[in-house]
C-alpha atoms as a PDB file:
ATOM      1  CA  UNK A   1      52.395-151.449  98.424  1.00  0.00           C
ATOM      2  CA  UNK A   2      52.508-148.024 100.029  1.00  0.00           C
ATOM      3  CA  UNK A   3      54.689-146.619  97.222  1.00  0.00           C
ATOM      4  CA  UNK A   4      52.041-147.595  94.705  1.00  0.00           C
ATOM      5  CA  UNK A   5      49.066-146.200  96.650  1.00  0.00           C
ATOM      6  CA  UNK A   6      46.842-144.152  94.395  1.00  0.00           C
ATOM      7  CA  UNK A   7      46.108-140.569  95.365  1.00  0.00           C
ATOM      8  CA  UNK A   8      43.445-139.912  92.741  1.00  0.00           C
ATOM      9  CA  UNK A   9      41.041-142.318  91.108  1.00  0.00           C
ATOM     10  CA  UNK A  10      39.686-140.767  87.927  1.00  0.00           C
ATOM     11  CA  UNK A  11      36.526-142.505  86.715  1.00  0.00           C
ATOM     12  CA  UNK A  12      36.094-141.265  83.156  1.00  0.00           C
ATOM     13  CA  UNK A  13      35.165-143.030  79.922  1.00  0.00           C
ATOM     14  CA  UNK A  14      35.946-140.109  77.596  1.00  0.00           C
ATOM     15  CA  UNK A  15      39.610-140.500  76.632  1.00  0.00           C
ATOM     16  CA  UNK A  16      40.015-136.792  75.766  1.00  0.00           C
ATOM     17  CA  UNK A  17      38.597-135.632  79.104  1.00  0.00           C
ATOM     18  CA  UNK A  18      40.702-138.188  80.982  1.00  0.00           C
ATOM     19  CA  UNK A  19      43.865-137.048  79.214  1.00  0.00           C
ATOM     20  CA  UNK A  20      43.086-133.399  79.952  1.00  0.00           C
ATOM     21  CA  UNK A  21      42.578-134.135  83.665  1.00  0.00           C
ATOM     22  CA  UNK A  22      45.808-136.161  83.818  1.00  0.00           C
ATOM     23  CA  UNK A  23      47.757-133.494  81.933  1.00  0.00           C
ATOM     24  CA  UNK A  24      46.452-130.722  84.197  1.00  0.00           C
ATOM     25  CA  UNK A  25      47.259-132.590  87.399  1.00  0.00           C
ATOM     26  CA  UNK A  26      50.743-133.566  86.222  1.00  0.00           C
ATOM     27  CA  UNK A  27      51.542-130.117  84.837  1.00  0.00           C
ATOM     28  CA  UNK A  28      50.852-128.681  88.274  1.00  0.00           C
ATOM     29  CA  UNK A  29      52.736-131.487  90.075  1.00  0.00           C
ATOM     30  CA  UNK A  30      49.577-132.388  91.959  1.00  0.00           C
ATOM     31  CA  UNK A  31      49.280-136.110  91.514  1.00  0.00           C
ATOM     32  CA  UNK A  32      51.948-138.584  90.597  1.00  0.00           C
ATOM     33  CA  UNK A  33      49.757-141.552  91.415  1.00  0.00           C
ATOM     34  CA  UNK A  34      46.573-141.263  89.385  1.00  0.00           C
ATOM     35  CA  UNK A  35      44.660-144.343  88.323  1.00  0.00           C
ATOM     36  CA  UNK A  36      42.010-144.217  85.618  1.00  0.00           C
ATOM     37  CA  UNK A  37      38.922-146.408  85.524  1.00  0.00           C
ATOM     38  CA  UNK A  38      37.134-146.346  82.161  1.00  0.00           C
ATOM     39  CA  UNK A  39      33.718-147.403  83.486  1.00  0.00           C
ATOM     40  CA  UNK A  40      31.780-147.707  86.722  1.00  0.00           C
ATOM     41  CA  UNK A  41      32.291-151.449  87.075  1.00  0.00           C
ATOM     42  CA  UNK A  42      36.074-151.049  86.868  1.00  0.00           C
ATOM     43  CA  UNK A  43      35.964-148.283  89.505  1.00  0.00           C
ATOM     44  CA  UNK A  44      33.994-150.491  91.891  1.00  0.00           C
ATOM     45  CA  UNK A  45      36.410-153.388  91.310  1.00  0.00           C
ATOM     46  CA  UNK A  46      39.362-151.114  92.089  1.00  0.00           C
ATOM     47  CA  UNK A  47      37.822-149.703  95.263  1.00  0.00           C
ATOM     48  CA  UNK A  48      35.841-152.637  96.615  1.00  0.00           C
ATOM     49  CA  UNK A  49      37.631-155.573  95.030  1.00  0.00           C
ATOM     50  CA  UNK A  50      36.069-158.502  93.236  1.00  0.00           C
ATOM     51  CA  UNK A  51      36.337-162.268  93.221  1.00  0.00           C
ATOM     52  CA  UNK A  52      39.868-162.214  91.786  1.00  0.00           C
ATOM     53  CA  UNK A  53      41.304-158.889  92.994  1.00  0.00           C
ATOM     54  CA  UNK A  54      41.481-157.378  96.479  1.00  0.00           C
ATOM     55  CA  UNK A  55      40.507-153.710  96.819  1.00  0.00           C
ATOM     56  CA  UNK A  56      43.148-151.049  96.229  1.00  0.00           C
ATOM     57  CA  UNK A  57      44.292-148.623  98.899  1.00  0.00           C
ATOM     58  CA  UNK A  58      41.824-145.790  99.337  1.00  0.00           C
ATOM     59  CA  UNK A  59      42.642-142.805  97.156  1.00  0.00           C
ATOM     60  CA  UNK A  60      42.695-139.298  98.630  1.00  0.00           C
ATOM     61  CA  UNK A  61      39.938-138.260  96.201  1.00  0.00           C
ATOM     62  CA  UNK A  62      37.743-139.821  93.518  1.00  0.00           C
ATOM     63  CA  UNK A  63      36.898-137.788  90.414  1.00  0.00           C
ATOM     64  CA  UNK A  64      33.689-139.342  89.117  1.00  0.00           C
ATOM     65  CA  UNK A  65      31.950-138.781  85.808  1.00  0.00           C
ATOM     66  CA  UNK A  66      28.217-139.539  85.811  1.00  0.00           C
ATOM     67  CA  UNK A  67      27.686-140.797  82.268  1.00  0.00           C
ATOM     68  CA  UNK A  68      29.606-144.074  82.349  1.00  0.00           C
ATOM     69  CA  UNK A  69      29.226-147.441  80.617  1.00  0.00           C
ATOM     70  CA  UNK A  70      28.352-150.617  82.546  1.00  0.00           C
ATOM     71  CA  UNK A  71      27.603-148.937  85.890  1.00  0.00           C
ATOM     72  CA  UNK A  72      26.693-145.237  85.815  1.00  0.00           C
ATOM     73  CA  UNK A  73      28.161-142.635  88.149  1.00  0.00           C
ATOM     74  CA  UNK A  74      25.052-142.366  90.348  1.00  0.00           C
ATOM     75  CA  UNK A  75      25.193-146.123  90.984  1.00  0.00           C
ATOM     76  CA  UNK A  76      28.940-145.937  91.715  1.00  0.00           C
ATOM     77  CA  UNK A  77      28.371-143.086  94.174  1.00  0.00           C
ATOM     78  CA  UNK A  78      25.543-145.010  95.842  1.00  0.00           C
ATOM     79  CA  UNK A  79      27.752-148.078  96.328  1.00  0.00           C
ATOM     80  CA  UNK A  80      30.749-146.106  97.562  1.00  0.00           C
ATOM     81  CA  UNK A  81      28.818-144.054 100.098  1.00  0.00           C
ATOM     82  CA  UNK A  82      26.945-147.111 101.407  1.00  0.00           C
ATOM     83  CA  UNK A  83      30.098-149.167 102.021  1.00  0.00           C
ATOM     84  CA  UNK A  84      31.983-148.419 105.272  1.00  0.00           C
ATOM     85  CA  UNK A  85      35.328-149.046 103.508  1.00  0.00           C
ATOM     86  CA  UNK A  86      34.770-146.222 101.024  1.00  0.00           C
ATOM     87  CA  UNK A  87      32.159-143.982 102.673  1.00  0.00           C
ATOM     88  CA  UNK A  88      34.684-141.357 103.839  1.00  0.00           C
ATOM     89  CA  UNK A  89      36.656-141.031 100.594  1.00  0.00           C
ATOM     90  CA  UNK A  90      35.880-137.612  99.087  1.00  0.00           C
ATOM     91  CA  UNK A  91      34.020-137.920  95.791  1.00  0.00           C
ATOM     92  CA  UNK A  92      34.062-135.022  93.348  1.00  0.00           C
ATOM     93  CA  UNK A  93      31.495-135.444  90.604  1.00  0.00           C
ATOM     94  CA  UNK A  94      33.024-134.130  87.393  1.00  0.00           C
ATOM     95  CA  UNK A  95      30.375-134.134  84.707  1.00  0.00           C
ATOM     96  CA  UNK A  96      28.903-132.342  81.729  1.00  0.00           C
ATOM     97  CA  UNK A  97      25.412-132.676  83.249  1.00  0.00           C
ATOM     98  CA  UNK A  98      23.747-129.466  84.329  1.00  0.00           C
ATOM     99  CA  UNK A  99      20.565-131.353  85.253  1.00  0.00           C
ATOM    100  CA  UNK A 100      19.129-130.356  88.646  1.00  0.00           C
ATOM    101  CA  UNK A 101      18.062-133.955  89.212  1.00  0.00           C
ATOM    102  CA  UNK A 102      21.687-135.169  88.842  1.00  0.00           C
ATOM    103  CA  UNK A 103      23.040-132.390  91.054  1.00  0.00           C
ATOM    104  CA  UNK A 104      20.446-133.031  93.765  1.00  0.00           C
ATOM    105  CA  UNK A 105      20.858-136.813  93.612  1.00  0.00           C
ATOM    106  CA  UNK A 106      24.638-136.585  93.939  1.00  0.00           C
ATOM    107  CA  UNK A 107      24.505-134.386  97.016  1.00  0.00           C
ATOM    108  CA  UNK A 108      21.758-136.519  98.589  1.00  0.00           C
ATOM    109  CA  UNK A 109      23.982-139.571  98.078  1.00  0.00           C
ATOM    110  CA  UNK A 110      26.970-137.918  99.741  1.00  0.00           C
ATOM    111  CA  UNK A 111      29.047-136.342  96.959  1.00  0.00           C
ATOM    112  CA  UNK A 112      31.544-133.855  98.353  1.00  0.00           C
ATOM    113  CA  UNK A 113      31.502-131.585  95.318  1.00  0.00           C
ATOM    114  CA  UNK A 114      29.750-131.272  91.946  1.00  0.00           C
ATOM    115  CA  UNK A 115      31.655-129.635  89.100  1.00  0.00           C
ATOM    116  CA  UNK A 116      30.295-129.124  85.596  1.00  0.00           C
ATOM    117  CA  UNK A 117      33.098-129.625  83.081  1.00  0.00           C
ATOM    118  CA  UNK A 118      33.892-126.383  81.261  1.00  0.00           C
ATOM    119  CA  UNK A 119      33.802-126.811  77.485  1.00  0.00           C
ATOM    120  CA  UNK A 120      36.725-124.434  76.901  1.00  0.00           C
ATOM    121  CA  UNK A 121      40.174-126.099  77.153  1.00  0.00           C
ATOM    122  CA  UNK A 122      41.808-123.330  79.216  1.00  0.00           C
ATOM    123  CA  UNK A 123      38.905-123.114  81.671  1.00  0.00           C
ATOM    124  CA  UNK A 124      38.839-126.906  81.994  1.00  0.00           C
ATOM    125  CA  UNK A 125      42.599-127.040  82.674  1.00  0.00           C
ATOM    126  CA  UNK A 126      42.276-124.255  85.254  1.00  0.00           C
ATOM    127  CA  UNK A 127      39.364-126.012  86.957  1.00  0.00           C
ATOM    128  CA  UNK A 128      41.468-129.196  87.228  1.00  0.00           C
ATOM    129  CA  UNK A 129      44.392-127.218  88.668  1.00  0.00           C
ATOM    130  CA  UNK A 130      42.151-125.655  91.310  1.00  0.00           C
ATOM    131  CA  UNK A 131      40.485-128.976  92.068  1.00  0.00           C
ATOM    132  CA  UNK A 132      43.853-130.683  92.517  1.00  0.00           C
ATOM    133  CA  UNK A 133      45.214-127.861  94.659  1.00  0.00           C
ATOM    134  CA  UNK A 134      42.242-128.067  96.995  1.00  0.00           C
ATOM    135  CA  UNK A 135      41.775-131.843  97.355  1.00  0.00           C
ATOM    136  CA  UNK A 136      45.444-132.863  97.282  1.00  0.00           C
ATOM    137  CA  UNK A 137      47.204-129.969  98.996  1.00  0.00           C
ATOM    138  CA  UNK A 138      44.767-127.870 101.039  1.00  0.00           C
ATOM    139  CA  UNK A 139      42.156-130.337 102.240  1.00  0.00           C
ATOM    140  CA  UNK A 140      43.108-131.923 105.563  1.00  0.00           C
ATOM    141  CA  UNK A 141      42.574-135.645 105.855  1.00  0.00           C
ATOM    142  CA  UNK A 142      41.520-137.085 109.215  1.00  0.00           C
ATOM    143  CA  UNK A 143      44.169-138.617 111.488  1.00  0.00           C
ATOM    144  CA  UNK A 144      42.663-142.084 111.094  1.00  0.00           C
ATOM    145  CA  UNK A 145      42.926-141.952 107.269  1.00  0.00           C
ATOM    146  CA  UNK A 146      46.239-143.774 106.875  1.00  0.00           C
ATOM    147  CA  UNK A 147      45.317-146.504 109.355  1.00  0.00           C
ATOM    148  CA  UNK A 148      41.997-147.135 107.582  1.00  0.00           C
ATOM    149  CA  UNK A 149      43.414-147.552 104.113  1.00  0.00           C
ATOM    150  CA  UNK A 150      42.821-151.081 102.883  1.00  0.00           C
END
């Protein structure tokens, strides 16, 4: 259903971080339709479907943590960027990892952005506000986007 199309898929297993992202986006009226996946397997089921569920409509942006149970963020990113149905969805890696190997791997795999989560609450909330403003309001989506949603 078009009215239920998700704008943001947040893939985050830390309940506190997920709540902070949701609060920041809602406070700034940036995303009414946010769906949360608590692990990588759930995110892949939502986006690519599984034996019992068809895939969801493509979100405008995916916020992806790297340290996830079941299927880690690098594996999720690999699958999403190798599938023609999800290849063009912007993926913003939102992680606590400052490891060069993670940063380099994410960009090699096609991540659109890599943001290290600020530890401070106010800085984290501001980062989420800026992220939402850019990806949901400023970033232009291609003309074929709506016709290529699942």
